[in-house]
Structure formats: C-alpha cells, structure tokens
C-alpha cells in the first residue's frame, strides 16, 4: 500500500471524515511529523496537516502529537481530519435577507455591512450566497448562485442577483458593457475641492498582494465623483462606477489623497485627530442606487437604499460639528 499502511481512508464525501490510521515507514526516519505526514498523505496540504497537529487532531503512538515531534519509523499515527471547508461552502443557511425587490427573474438585496458576499478563505460560511441558497434553493443550479457582482464585506447597499440563467447572462453582459448604473455614497477624509473623475488602471499591489493599487499594467478603471457636502475634516461624495474593478472606489479615492473614512486597508496611514472620524469602525461606503435593464421586460428599473444607521449617525455628527465650529 506504499510507504504507510492505511487501515481506514479519508472519505471526502462524508459530513465527518473518517479517522486515518497508518504506520510511519522507516524511510521517514529523522523527519518532523508534519513533513512525514505530508509525504505519507499527499491528499492533504502540509499547512493543513500542521494545523491538525497543533489542534491535537493527530495522535502519535496513542498520545497527542507535539508540533515538533520527530519520527523514526514504525510509529502508529491516528489522524482525525476535518472536512475541507471549501467542499461544504455552498450550503444553505438560514440568514435573514433584506429583500428590496423579487420577481421571477431576479432579486435585489440590501446588503448590510459585515456580510460577506461569496465564500472564500476565512469566510466559508455565513455568507450572502449561503443565505440565497436557503431563500431560493433553485439558485444552486446557477453559477455563483446567481450572484453577478459583489460588494466588499464592510460596504453596505444594493446588489442584484439573477434567478435564472437567461437573467444572469443578461446582467453579466450589461455589467461588461458598463450600462449598469451603480452609485455610491462615500465619506472621505479631507475637503474635496470640486467634482471630478478618476481614470486610472487598477491591479494587484506589486508588494502587498492582498491589496489593489493604481498600477500601469492594471485593468482600465473609471470613477466619477460629485461633492454633496463638506464638513470640517471630511467630504460626502456620490461616486458612480463606469467599471467594476476590485476595491475600485477605495483605491481611486486613496489615489486622490482622500481615502474613505474608516477604511482599514487603504486609509490606515491617514490618522485623524477628529474623534468623530476616528471612531468609525468600517469604510464609510454605501451602494445607494442601482439601475439597469430588466432581463425579462427590457425596461429600465432602478432602486435606491437609504443610508444605514451607522453612516447616518456619522454624517449627523459631522454636520453638528461643522455648525458648532462655524
């Protein structure tokens, strides 16, 4: 059976994987346990095996294995694997949805800040996709459960979800043609002088790969912005996307020197002495308006979502602060 004798195999389809029992072969002598297991159980990544060792899911000769344990051959290993979270990510979950509109072709959702749209690393459950599958099980037959665009976890506002494949195809084509009108309310640091447009390509940050940045070889990106109100140390903008790049508004506003209030990634170098701004816990960005051609009727449809309570309170505090200081 190869370098290790396995008496019970991992069952990838079961809800709870079966334990794996094996005997370490002599040619692993002198290796750390995680290195040996990586060789003996290539179906699991070394990082996952190391995690299972740290969380006491691996026994070595009847005792919980130590992270730096070495093996010399002949040891008995018992492994209690956990399911791959990605394998169970698309499971229905009873999560409340704020449904603005629903018909046979589509759903329009008002997403709260804090809700992740699609499962991924660190967020394999509790997402909008899980909620959609519970609300409308037929979405399981569509790519990404009908989701055609996303909002960042801590951005609130409107999202459209297709309920049929023709509707999804129509919405994707409208997004690709830049005919879907998406408007956001954004509260930024500093006083923006005038309305304007940012036309700058966006791609992965050359060093910090989890971030996006304005880079010469990035994808074309255009954001138009309009000044709505100015406060002592901040400005309320309406932003309209002409393209839909990852973190587009956040990156473009940072490039102007006016990062979003509360942005933990693109505004972290902007320290504010203003207690009202410093106390806001997430990026102050809200997808307020959504307009497109209905996939079934071909008519123009539009929806608008009011500001969530936290941004409403923040703006009220900034208005009061400006009046008092003036």
C-alpha atoms as a PDB file:
ATOM      1  CA  UNK A   1       0.000   0.000   0.000  1.00  0.00           C
ATOM      2  CA  UNK A   2       3.028   2.290  -0.322  1.00  0.00           C
ATOM      3  CA  UNK A   3       5.222   3.867   2.375  1.00  0.00           C
ATOM      4  CA  UNK A   4       2.467   3.724   5.019  1.00  0.00           C
ATOM      5  CA  UNK A   5      -0.149   1.107   5.842  1.00  0.00           C
ATOM      6  CA  UNK A   6      -3.511   2.899   5.987  1.00  0.00           C
ATOM      7  CA  UNK A   7      -6.239   0.934   7.731  1.00  0.00           C
ATOM      8  CA  UNK A   8      -9.013   3.487   7.060  1.00  0.00           C
ATOM      9  CA  UNK A   9      -9.194   6.066   4.340  1.00  0.00           C
ATOM     10  CA  UNK A  10     -10.406   9.645   4.300  1.00  0.00           C
ATOM     11  CA  UNK A  11     -13.931   9.852   2.906  1.00  0.00           C
ATOM     12  CA  UNK A  12     -14.205  13.194   1.110  1.00  0.00           C
ATOM     13  CA  UNK A  13     -17.967  12.910   0.674  1.00  0.00           C
ATOM     14  CA  UNK A  14     -18.937  12.289   4.303  1.00  0.00           C
ATOM     15  CA  UNK A  15     -20.013  15.067   6.651  1.00  0.00           C
ATOM     16  CA  UNK A  16     -17.408  13.933   9.199  1.00  0.00           C
ATOM     17  CA  UNK A  17     -14.256  12.426   7.619  1.00  0.00           C
ATOM     18  CA  UNK A  18     -13.272   9.019   8.941  1.00  0.00           C
ATOM     19  CA  UNK A  19     -10.064   8.728  11.004  1.00  0.00           C
ATOM     20  CA  UNK A  20      -6.896   7.716   9.184  1.00  0.00           C
ATOM     21  CA  UNK A  21      -4.605   5.171  10.845  1.00  0.00           C
ATOM     22  CA  UNK A  22      -1.147   4.499   9.484  1.00  0.00           C
ATOM     23  CA  UNK A  23       2.329   3.258  10.368  1.00  0.00           C
ATOM     24  CA  UNK A  24       5.283   5.519   9.652  1.00  0.00           C
ATOM     25  CA  UNK A  25       7.722   3.907   7.213  1.00  0.00           C
ATOM     26  CA  UNK A  26      11.462   3.685   8.021  1.00  0.00           C
ATOM     27  CA  UNK A  27      12.422   5.958   5.118  1.00  0.00           C
ATOM     28  CA  UNK A  28      10.808   8.889   7.004  1.00  0.00           C
ATOM     29  CA  UNK A  29      13.327   8.489   9.839  1.00  0.00           C
ATOM     30  CA  UNK A  30      14.549  11.803  11.242  1.00  0.00           C
ATOM     31  CA  UNK A  31      11.782  13.897   9.711  1.00  0.00           C
ATOM     32  CA  UNK A  32       9.351  16.108  11.616  1.00  0.00           C
ATOM     33  CA  UNK A  33       5.922  14.581  11.907  1.00  0.00           C
ATOM     34  CA  UNK A  34       4.296  17.175   9.629  1.00  0.00           C
ATOM     35  CA  UNK A  35       6.944  16.502   6.952  1.00  0.00           C
ATOM     36  CA  UNK A  36       6.433  12.764   7.215  1.00  0.00           C
ATOM     37  CA  UNK A  37       2.652  13.060   7.093  1.00  0.00           C
ATOM     38  CA  UNK A  38       2.877  15.353   4.075  1.00  0.00           C
ATOM     39  CA  UNK A  39       4.788  12.602   2.301  1.00  0.00           C
ATOM     40  CA  UNK A  40       2.537   9.792   3.506  1.00  0.00           C
ATOM     41  CA  UNK A  41      -0.751  11.658   2.946  1.00  0.00           C
ATOM     42  CA  UNK A  42      -0.255  13.762  -0.188  1.00  0.00           C
ATOM     43  CA  UNK A  43      -4.023  14.376  -0.454  1.00  0.00           C
ATOM     44  CA  UNK A  44      -3.671  16.899   2.395  1.00  0.00           C
ATOM     45  CA  UNK A  45      -1.535  20.061   2.279  1.00  0.00           C
ATOM     46  CA  UNK A  46       1.327  20.392   4.770  1.00  0.00           C
ATOM     47  CA  UNK A  47      -0.229  23.517   6.257  1.00  0.00           C
ATOM     48  CA  UNK A  48      -3.469  21.648   6.924  1.00  0.00           C
ATOM     49  CA  UNK A  49      -1.619  18.723   8.484  1.00  0.00           C
ATOM     50  CA  UNK A  50       0.396  21.098  10.679  1.00  0.00           C
ATOM     51  CA  UNK A  51      -2.833  22.773  11.770  1.00  0.00           C
ATOM     52  CA  UNK A  52      -4.338  19.418  12.731  1.00  0.00           C
ATOM     53  CA  UNK A  53      -1.226  18.595  14.761  1.00  0.00           C
ATOM     54  CA  UNK A  54      -1.427  21.948  16.599  1.00  0.00           C
ATOM     55  CA  UNK A  55      -5.127  21.426  17.340  1.00  0.00           C
ATOM     56  CA  UNK A  56      -4.499  17.922  18.762  1.00  0.00           C
ATOM     57  CA  UNK A  57      -6.201  16.017  15.967  1.00  0.00           C
ATOM     58  CA  UNK A  58      -3.159  13.767  15.470  1.00  0.00           C
ATOM     59  CA  UNK A  59      -2.051  11.025  17.846  1.00  0.00           C
ATOM     60  CA  UNK A  60       1.433   9.516  17.788  1.00  0.00           C
ATOM     61  CA  UNK A  61       1.691   6.107  19.459  1.00  0.00           C
ATOM     62  CA  UNK A  62      -1.532   6.752  21.367  1.00  0.00           C
ATOM     63  CA  UNK A  63      -0.706  10.267  22.595  1.00  0.00           C
ATOM     64  CA  UNK A  64      -1.452  13.720  21.157  1.00  0.00           C
ATOM     65  CA  UNK A  65       1.399  14.589  18.819  1.00  0.00           C
ATOM     66  CA  UNK A  66       3.647  17.542  19.557  1.00  0.00           C
ATOM     67  CA  UNK A  67       4.188  20.085  16.729  1.00  0.00           C
ATOM     68  CA  UNK A  68       7.960  19.493  16.565  1.00  0.00           C
ATOM     69  CA  UNK A  69       7.858  15.727  17.131  1.00  0.00           C
ATOM     70  CA  UNK A  70      10.258  13.646  15.033  1.00  0.00           C
ATOM     71  CA  UNK A  71       9.596  10.162  13.757  1.00  0.00           C
ATOM     72  CA  UNK A  72      12.000   7.284  13.179  1.00  0.00           C
ATOM     73  CA  UNK A  73       9.791   4.671  11.545  1.00  0.00           C
ATOM     74  CA  UNK A  74       7.339   2.199  12.969  1.00  0.00           C
ATOM     75  CA  UNK A  75       5.263   4.733  14.928  1.00  0.00           C
ATOM     76  CA  UNK A  76       1.496   4.401  14.855  1.00  0.00           C
ATOM     77  CA  UNK A  77      -0.329   7.574  13.747  1.00  0.00           C
ATOM     78  CA  UNK A  78      -4.035   8.221  14.138  1.00  0.00           C
ATOM     79  CA  UNK A  79      -5.345  11.299  12.313  1.00  0.00           C
ATOM     80  CA  UNK A  80      -8.795  12.827  12.796  1.00  0.00           C
ATOM     81  CA  UNK A  81      -9.171  15.115   9.751  1.00  0.00           C
ATOM     82  CA  UNK A  82     -11.682  17.923   9.483  1.00  0.00           C
ATOM     83  CA  UNK A  83     -13.727  18.427   6.302  1.00  0.00           C
ATOM     84  CA  UNK A  84     -12.330  20.747   3.680  1.00  0.00           C
ATOM     85  CA  UNK A  85     -14.347  23.948   4.298  1.00  0.00           C
ATOM     86  CA  UNK A  86     -14.442  24.690   0.569  1.00  0.00           C
ATOM     87  CA  UNK A  87     -16.284  21.409  -0.012  1.00  0.00           C
ATOM     88  CA  UNK A  88     -19.216  22.487   2.156  1.00  0.00           C
ATOM     89  CA  UNK A  89     -19.158  26.222   1.404  1.00  0.00           C
ATOM     90  CA  UNK A  90     -22.233  26.200  -0.842  1.00  0.00           C
ATOM     91  CA  UNK A  91     -24.642  25.027   1.843  1.00  0.00           C
ATOM     92  CA  UNK A  92     -27.993  26.736   2.548  1.00  0.00           C
ATOM     93  CA  UNK A  93     -28.053  28.730   5.794  1.00  0.00           C
ATOM     94  CA  UNK A  94     -30.981  30.441   7.458  1.00  0.00           C
ATOM     95  CA  UNK A  95     -29.674  34.013   7.338  1.00  0.00           C
ATOM     96  CA  UNK A  96     -32.082  36.937   7.162  1.00  0.00           C
ATOM     97  CA  UNK A  97     -32.112  38.863   3.888  1.00  0.00           C
ATOM     98  CA  UNK A  98     -33.275  42.438   3.353  1.00  0.00           C
ATOM     99  CA  UNK A  99     -35.074  41.903   0.028  1.00  0.00           C
ATOM    100  CA  UNK A 100     -35.829  45.171  -1.746  1.00  0.00           C
ATOM    101  CA  UNK A 101     -37.412  43.511  -4.785  1.00  0.00           C
ATOM    102  CA  UNK A 102     -38.058  39.997  -6.039  1.00  0.00           C
ATOM    103  CA  UNK A 103     -39.665  38.629  -9.185  1.00  0.00           C
ATOM    104  CA  UNK A 104     -39.288  35.527 -11.329  1.00  0.00           C
ATOM    105  CA  UNK A 105     -36.034  36.750 -12.899  1.00  0.00           C
ATOM    106  CA  UNK A 106     -34.113  38.478 -10.152  1.00  0.00           C
ATOM    107  CA  UNK A 107     -33.631  39.555  -6.547  1.00  0.00           C
ATOM    108  CA  UNK A 108     -32.428  42.954  -5.338  1.00  0.00           C
ATOM    109  CA  UNK A 109     -30.835  42.750  -1.906  1.00  0.00           C
ATOM    110  CA  UNK A 110     -29.829  45.491   0.538  1.00  0.00           C
ATOM    111  CA  UNK A 111     -26.644  44.002   1.978  1.00  0.00           C
ATOM    112  CA  UNK A 112     -25.660  45.089   5.489  1.00  0.00           C
ATOM    113  CA  UNK A 113     -22.069  45.929   6.355  1.00  0.00           C
ATOM    114  CA  UNK A 114     -20.314  42.888   7.766  1.00  0.00           C
ATOM    115  CA  UNK A 115     -21.905  40.314   5.445  1.00  0.00           C
ATOM    116  CA  UNK A 116     -19.509  38.575   3.049  1.00  0.00           C
ATOM    117  CA  UNK A 117     -20.995  38.029  -0.412  1.00  0.00           C
ATOM    118  CA  UNK A 118     -19.254  34.823  -1.507  1.00  0.00           C
ATOM    119  CA  UNK A 119     -17.466  32.067   0.475  1.00  0.00           C
ATOM    120  CA  UNK A 120     -13.691  32.241   0.482  1.00  0.00           C
ATOM    121  CA  UNK A 121     -10.634  31.925   2.669  1.00  0.00           C
ATOM    122  CA  UNK A 122     -11.595  32.761   6.245  1.00  0.00           C
ATOM    123  CA  UNK A 123     -15.300  33.019   5.382  1.00  0.00           C
ATOM    124  CA  UNK A 124     -16.518  29.588   4.335  1.00  0.00           C
ATOM    125  CA  UNK A 125     -19.988  30.023   5.833  1.00  0.00           C
ATOM    126  CA  UNK A 126     -22.402  32.747   6.895  1.00  0.00           C
ATOM    127  CA  UNK A 127     -22.253  34.487   3.517  1.00  0.00           C
ATOM    128  CA  UNK A 128     -24.846  36.035   1.223  1.00  0.00           C
ATOM    129  CA  UNK A 129     -24.508  33.011  -1.061  1.00  0.00           C
ATOM    130  CA  UNK A 130     -25.446  30.674   1.820  1.00  0.00           C
ATOM    131  CA  UNK A 131     -28.447  32.868   2.623  1.00  0.00           C
ATOM    132  CA  UNK A 132     -29.580  32.940  -1.019  1.00  0.00           C
ATOM    133  CA  UNK A 133     -29.480  29.145  -1.288  1.00  0.00           C
ATOM    134  CA  UNK A 134     -31.772  28.864   1.730  1.00  0.00           C
ATOM    135  CA  UNK A 135     -34.161  31.504   0.376  1.00  0.00           C
ATOM    136  CA  UNK A 136     -34.285  30.145  -3.180  1.00  0.00           C
ATOM    137  CA  UNK A 137     -32.845  26.603  -3.443  1.00  0.00           C
ATOM    138  CA  UNK A 138     -33.108  26.655  -7.256  1.00  0.00           C
ATOM    139  CA  UNK A 139     -30.176  29.093  -7.295  1.00  0.00           C
ATOM    140  CA  UNK A 140     -27.893  26.103  -6.666  1.00  0.00           C
ATOM    141  CA  UNK A 141     -28.166  25.344 -10.404  1.00  0.00           C
ATOM    142  CA  UNK A 142     -26.700  28.742 -11.387  1.00  0.00           C
ATOM    143  CA  UNK A 143     -23.045  29.767 -11.375  1.00  0.00           C
ATOM    144  CA  UNK A 144     -22.246  31.505  -8.046  1.00  0.00           C
ATOM    145  CA  UNK A 145     -25.904  31.071  -7.064  1.00  0.00           C
ATOM    146  CA  UNK A 146     -26.873  33.886  -9.432  1.00  0.00           C
ATOM    147  CA  UNK A 147     -24.509  36.481  -7.962  1.00  0.00           C
ATOM    148  CA  UNK A 148     -23.242  38.738 -10.754  1.00  0.00           C
ATOM    149  CA  UNK A 149     -21.371  41.441  -8.816  1.00  0.00           C
ATOM    150  CA  UNK A 150     -20.090  41.936  -5.304  1.00  0.00           C
ATOM    151  CA  UNK A 151     -19.717  44.422  -2.508  1.00  0.00           C
ATOM    152  CA  UNK A 152     -16.852  44.294  -0.026  1.00  0.00           C
ATOM    153  CA  UNK A 153     -17.671  42.765   3.348  1.00  0.00           C
ATOM    154  CA  UNK A 154     -17.875  46.130   5.117  1.00  0.00           C
ATOM    155  CA  UNK A 155     -19.614  48.017   2.318  1.00  0.00           C
ATOM    156  CA  UNK A 156     -23.396  48.240   2.627  1.00  0.00           C
ATOM    157  CA  UNK A 157     -26.003  48.649  -0.090  1.00  0.00           C
ATOM    158  CA  UNK A 158     -27.695  47.216  -3.152  1.00  0.00           C
ATOM    159  CA  UNK A 159     -26.864  44.016  -5.022  1.00  0.00           C
ATOM    160  CA  UNK A 160     -28.780  42.312  -7.831  1.00  0.00           C
ATOM    161  CA  UNK A 161     -28.922  38.510  -8.026  1.00  0.00           C
ATOM    162  CA  UNK A 162     -30.205  36.571 -11.050  1.00  0.00           C
ATOM    163  CA  UNK A 163     -32.736  33.764 -10.510  1.00  0.00           C
ATOM    164  CA  UNK A 164     -32.499  32.244 -13.992  1.00  0.00           C
ATOM    165  CA  UNK A 165     -29.659  31.582 -16.403  1.00  0.00           C
ATOM    166  CA  UNK A 166     -31.037  33.982 -19.093  1.00  0.00           C
ATOM    167  CA  UNK A 167     -31.312  36.722 -16.448  1.00  0.00           C
ATOM    168  CA  UNK A 168     -27.767  36.061 -15.267  1.00  0.00           C
ATOM    169  CA  UNK A 169     -26.460  36.179 -18.828  1.00  0.00           C
ATOM    170  CA  UNK A 170     -28.254  39.490 -19.438  1.00  0.00           C
ATOM    171  CA  UNK A 171     -26.968  41.094 -16.249  1.00  0.00           C
ATOM    172  CA  UNK A 172     -23.398  39.942 -16.844  1.00  0.00           C
ATOM    173  CA  UNK A 173     -23.478  41.382 -20.368  1.00  0.00           C
ATOM    174  CA  UNK A 174     -24.837  44.691 -19.072  1.00  0.00           C
ATOM    175  CA  UNK A 175     -22.054  44.831 -16.495  1.00  0.00           C
ATOM    176  CA  UNK A 176     -19.467  44.078 -19.168  1.00  0.00           C
ATOM    177  CA  UNK A 177     -20.918  46.827 -21.363  1.00  0.00           C
ATOM    178  CA  UNK A 178     -20.797  49.257 -18.398  1.00  0.00           C
ATOM    179  CA  UNK A 179     -24.504  50.047 -18.777  1.00  0.00           C
ATOM    180  CA  UNK A 180     -25.463  49.106 -15.217  1.00  0.00           C
ATOM    181  CA  UNK A 181     -25.601  52.353 -13.246  1.00  0.00           C
ATOM    182  CA  UNK A 182     -24.129  51.955  -9.749  1.00  0.00           C
ATOM    183  CA  UNK A 183     -23.939  54.935  -7.438  1.00  0.00           C
ATOM    184  CA  UNK A 184     -22.351  55.012  -4.006  1.00  0.00           C
ATOM    185  CA  UNK A 185     -22.257  57.438  -1.099  1.00  0.00           C
ATOM    186  CA  UNK A 186     -18.706  57.784   0.184  1.00  0.00           C
ATOM    187  CA  UNK A 187     -17.416  59.758   3.146  1.00  0.00           C
ATOM    188  CA  UNK A 188     -13.754  60.653   2.697  1.00  0.00           C
ATOM    189  CA  UNK A 189     -11.047  62.339   4.715  1.00  0.00           C
ATOM    190  CA  UNK A 190     -10.307  65.965   3.869  1.00  0.00           C
ATOM    191  CA  UNK A 191     -12.198  68.595   1.925  1.00  0.00           C
ATOM    192  CA  UNK A 192     -12.595  67.717  -1.758  1.00  0.00           C
ATOM    193  CA  UNK A 193     -12.462  70.899  -3.810  1.00  0.00           C
ATOM    194  CA  UNK A 194     -14.701  70.018  -6.755  1.00  0.00           C
ATOM    195  CA  UNK A 195     -16.446  67.288  -8.738  1.00  0.00           C
ATOM    196  CA  UNK A 196     -14.195  65.141 -10.869  1.00  0.00           C
ATOM    197  CA  UNK A 197     -13.240  61.846 -12.447  1.00  0.00           C
ATOM    198  CA  UNK A 198     -10.504  59.330 -11.711  1.00  0.00           C
ATOM    199  CA  UNK A 199      -9.351  57.362 -14.728  1.00  0.00           C
ATOM    200  CA  UNK A 200      -6.528  55.131 -13.554  1.00  0.00           C
ATOM    201  CA  UNK A 201      -5.820  51.401 -14.114  1.00  0.00           C
ATOM    202  CA  UNK A 202      -6.168  49.079 -11.124  1.00  0.00           C
ATOM    203  CA  UNK A 203      -4.303  45.835 -10.459  1.00  0.00           C
ATOM    204  CA  UNK A 204      -2.687  43.870  -7.658  1.00  0.00           C
ATOM    205  CA  UNK A 205      -0.340  45.839  -5.425  1.00  0.00           C
ATOM    206  CA  UNK A 206       3.218  44.931  -6.534  1.00  0.00           C
ATOM    207  CA  UNK A 207       4.301  44.074  -2.966  1.00  0.00           C
ATOM    208  CA  UNK A 208       1.196  43.629  -0.803  1.00  0.00           C
ATOM    209  CA  UNK A 209      -0.683  41.018  -2.809  1.00  0.00           C
ATOM    210  CA  UNK A 210      -3.890  41.189  -0.765  1.00  0.00           C
ATOM    211  CA  UNK A 211      -4.322  44.841  -1.781  1.00  0.00           C
ATOM    212  CA  UNK A 212      -5.165  46.544  -5.046  1.00  0.00           C
ATOM    213  CA  UNK A 213      -3.423  49.656  -6.349  1.00  0.00           C
ATOM    214  CA  UNK A 214      -3.205  52.063  -9.270  1.00  0.00           C
ATOM    215  CA  UNK A 215      -0.623  50.318 -11.474  1.00  0.00           C
ATOM    216  CA  UNK A 216       0.440  50.943 -15.059  1.00  0.00           C
ATOM    217  CA  UNK A 217      -0.429  47.408 -16.205  1.00  0.00           C
ATOM    218  CA  UNK A 218      -3.725  47.208 -14.359  1.00  0.00           C
ATOM    219  CA  UNK A 219      -7.181  46.980 -15.904  1.00  0.00           C
ATOM    220  CA  UNK A 220      -8.838  50.222 -17.034  1.00  0.00           C
ATOM    221  CA  UNK A 221     -10.975  51.784 -14.305  1.00  0.00           C
ATOM    222  CA  UNK A 222     -13.092  54.945 -14.220  1.00  0.00           C
ATOM    223  CA  UNK A 223     -14.835  56.501 -11.217  1.00  0.00           C
ATOM    224  CA  UNK A 224     -16.795  59.761 -11.374  1.00  0.00           C
ATOM    225  CA  UNK A 225     -17.461  61.656  -8.143  1.00  0.00           C
ATOM    226  CA  UNK A 226     -19.666  64.567  -7.121  1.00  0.00           C
ATOM    227  CA  UNK A 227     -19.293  66.663  -3.965  1.00  0.00           C
ATOM    228  CA  UNK A 228     -22.527  66.575  -1.928  1.00  0.00           C
ATOM    229  CA  UNK A 229     -21.458  68.123   1.405  1.00  0.00           C
ATOM    230  CA  UNK A 230     -18.266  69.376   3.004  1.00  0.00           C
ATOM    231  CA  UNK A 231     -17.506  69.203   6.729  1.00  0.00           C
ATOM    232  CA  UNK A 232     -14.568  70.366   8.824  1.00  0.00           C
ATOM    233  CA  UNK A 233     -12.324  67.407   8.029  1.00  0.00           C
ATOM    234  CA  UNK A 234     -14.354  65.299   5.619  1.00  0.00           C
ATOM    235  CA  UNK A 235     -16.442  65.359   2.438  1.00  0.00           C
ATOM    236  CA  UNK A 236     -19.514  63.402   1.410  1.00  0.00           C
ATOM    237  CA  UNK A 237     -19.288  62.251  -2.215  1.00  0.00           C
ATOM    238  CA  UNK A 238     -21.549  60.479  -4.652  1.00  0.00           C
ATOM    239  CA  UNK A 239     -19.443  58.106  -6.733  1.00  0.00           C
ATOM    240  CA  UNK A 240     -20.519  56.456  -9.973  1.00  0.00           C
ATOM    241  CA  UNK A 241     -18.711  53.421 -11.307  1.00  0.00           C
ATOM    242  CA  UNK A 242     -18.115  53.203 -15.035  1.00  0.00           C
ATOM    243  CA  UNK A 243     -16.127  49.994 -14.487  1.00  0.00           C
ATOM    244  CA  UNK A 244     -16.224  47.464 -11.687  1.00  0.00           C
ATOM    245  CA  UNK A 245     -12.713  46.607 -10.510  1.00  0.00           C
ATOM    246  CA  UNK A 246     -11.980  45.094  -7.118  1.00  0.00           C
ATOM    247  CA  UNK A 247     -11.902  47.834  -4.432  1.00  0.00           C
ATOM    248  CA  UNK A 248     -12.200  50.430  -7.224  1.00  0.00           C
ATOM    249  CA  UNK A 249     -13.706  53.325  -5.258  1.00  0.00           C
ATOM    250  CA  UNK A 250     -11.451  52.683  -2.272  1.00  0.00           C
ATOM    251  CA  UNK A 251      -8.302  52.644  -4.419  1.00  0.00           C
ATOM    252  CA  UNK A 252      -9.259  55.620  -6.592  1.00  0.00           C
ATOM    253  CA  UNK A 253     -10.180  57.852  -3.651  1.00  0.00           C
ATOM    254  CA  UNK A 254      -6.956  56.935  -1.892  1.00  0.00           C
ATOM    255  CA  UNK A 255      -5.053  57.902  -5.048  1.00  0.00           C
ATOM    256  CA  UNK A 256      -6.651  61.369  -4.793  1.00  0.00           C
ATOM    257  CA  UNK A 257      -5.366  61.755  -1.234  1.00  0.00           C
ATOM    258  CA  UNK A 258      -8.898  61.401   0.151  1.00  0.00           C
ATOM    259  CA  UNK A 259      -9.246  57.817   1.461  1.00  0.00           C
ATOM    260  CA  UNK A 260     -12.535  56.575   2.826  1.00  0.00           C
ATOM    261  CA  UNK A 261     -13.209  57.263   6.473  1.00  0.00           C
ATOM    262  CA  UNK A 262     -12.745  54.041   8.454  1.00  0.00           C
ATOM    263  CA  UNK A 263     -11.034  52.113   5.638  1.00  0.00           C
ATOM    264  CA  UNK A 264      -8.699  49.654   7.424  1.00  0.00           C
ATOM    265  CA  UNK A 265      -6.688  48.877   4.286  1.00  0.00           C
ATOM    266  CA  UNK A 266      -6.478  51.962   2.087  1.00  0.00           C
ATOM    267  CA  UNK A 267      -6.905  54.578   4.800  1.00  0.00           C
ATOM    268  CA  UNK A 268      -4.718  53.112   7.540  1.00  0.00           C
ATOM    269  CA  UNK A 269      -1.940  55.672   7.061  1.00  0.00           C
ATOM    270  CA  UNK A 270      -4.423  58.517   7.422  1.00  0.00           C
ATOM    271  CA  UNK A 271      -4.521  59.365  11.128  1.00  0.00           C
ATOM    272  CA  UNK A 272      -7.246  61.788  12.121  1.00  0.00           C
ATOM    273  CA  UNK A 273      -7.310  63.869  15.277  1.00  0.00           C
ATOM    274  CA  UNK A 274     -11.045  64.222  14.726  1.00  0.00           C
ATOM    275  CA  UNK A 275     -12.647  61.870  17.250  1.00  0.00           C
ATOM    276  CA  UNK A 276     -15.846  61.620  15.206  1.00  0.00           C
ATOM    277  CA  UNK A 277     -13.955  60.292  12.183  1.00  0.00           C
ATOM    278  CA  UNK A 278     -11.505  58.168  14.164  1.00  0.00           C
ATOM    279  CA  UNK A 279     -14.335  56.329  15.884  1.00  0.00           C
ATOM    280  CA  UNK A 280     -15.996  54.985  12.729  1.00  0.00           C
ATOM    281  CA  UNK A 281     -15.352  51.241  12.599  1.00  0.00           C
ATOM    282  CA  UNK A 282     -15.679  50.376   8.876  1.00  0.00           C
ATOM    283  CA  UNK A 283     -15.180  52.005   5.488  1.00  0.00           C
ATOM    284  CA  UNK A 284     -17.860  54.652   5.041  1.00  0.00           C
ATOM    285  CA  UNK A 285     -19.146  53.393   1.702  1.00  0.00           C
ATOM    286  CA  UNK A 286     -22.754  52.610   0.770  1.00  0.00           C
ATOM    287  CA  UNK A 287     -24.108  51.356  -2.576  1.00  0.00           C
ATOM    288  CA  UNK A 288     -27.098  53.679  -2.701  1.00  0.00           C
ATOM    289  CA  UNK A 289     -28.548  53.306  -6.206  1.00  0.00           C
ATOM    290  CA  UNK A 290     -28.748  50.537  -8.809  1.00  0.00           C
ATOM    291  CA  UNK A 291     -30.190  50.887 -12.327  1.00  0.00           C
ATOM    292  CA  UNK A 292     -30.230  48.510 -15.301  1.00  0.00           C
ATOM    293  CA  UNK A 293     -32.458  46.986 -17.988  1.00  0.00           C
ATOM    294  CA  UNK A 294     -34.708  44.295 -16.567  1.00  0.00           C
ATOM    295  CA  UNK A 295     -33.640  40.977 -18.172  1.00  0.00           C
ATOM    296  CA  UNK A 296     -37.240  39.905 -18.811  1.00  0.00           C
ATOM    297  CA  UNK A 297     -39.072  43.108 -19.767  1.00  0.00           C
ATOM    298  CA  UNK A 298     -36.196  45.130 -21.200  1.00  0.00           C
ATOM    299  CA  UNK A 299     -37.453  48.175 -19.285  1.00  0.00           C
ATOM    300  CA  UNK A 300     -35.201  50.405 -17.199  1.00  0.00           C
ATOM    301  CA  UNK A 301     -35.575  49.600 -13.494  1.00  0.00           C
ATOM    302  CA  UNK A 302     -33.931  51.318 -10.533  1.00  0.00           C
ATOM    303  CA  UNK A 303     -33.784  51.018  -6.768  1.00  0.00           C
ATOM    304  CA  UNK A 304     -32.393  53.181  -4.001  1.00  0.00           C
ATOM    305  CA  UNK A 305     -31.348  52.117  -0.491  1.00  0.00           C
ATOM    306  CA  UNK A 306     -31.278  54.632   2.392  1.00  0.00           C
ATOM    307  CA  UNK A 307     -28.105  55.105   4.388  1.00  0.00           C
ATOM    308  CA  UNK A 308     -27.594  52.526   7.137  1.00  0.00           C
ATOM    309  CA  UNK A 309     -27.846  53.765  10.714  1.00  0.00           C
ATOM    310  CA  UNK A 310     -24.101  53.975  11.348  1.00  0.00           C
ATOM    311  CA  UNK A 311     -23.365  56.209   8.351  1.00  0.00           C
ATOM    312  CA  UNK A 312     -26.485  58.292   9.009  1.00  0.00           C
ATOM    313  CA  UNK A 313     -25.305  58.925  12.580  1.00  0.00           C
ATOM    314  CA  UNK A 314     -21.781  59.736  11.415  1.00  0.00           C
ATOM    315  CA  UNK A 315     -22.989  62.328   8.916  1.00  0.00           C
ATOM    316  CA  UNK A 316     -25.320  63.865  11.513  1.00  0.00           C
ATOM    317  CA  UNK A 317     -22.391  64.199  13.926  1.00  0.00           C
ATOM    318  CA  UNK A 318     -20.227  65.821  11.249  1.00  0.00           C
ATOM    319  CA  UNK A 319     -22.984  68.290  10.356  1.00  0.00           C
ATOM    320  CA  UNK A 320     -23.437  69.243  14.023  1.00  0.00           C
ATOM    321  CA  UNK A 321     -19.684  69.584  14.454  1.00  0.00           C
ATOM    322  CA  UNK A 322     -19.450  71.927  11.454  1.00  0.00           C
ATOM    323  CA  UNK A 323     -22.314  74.127  12.695  1.00  0.00           C
ATOM    324  CA  UNK A 324     -20.857  74.415  16.198  1.00  0.00           C
ATOM    325  CA  UNK A 325     -17.372  75.269  14.927  1.00  0.00           C
ATOM    326  CA  UNK A 326     -18.653  77.735  12.380  1.00  0.00           C
END
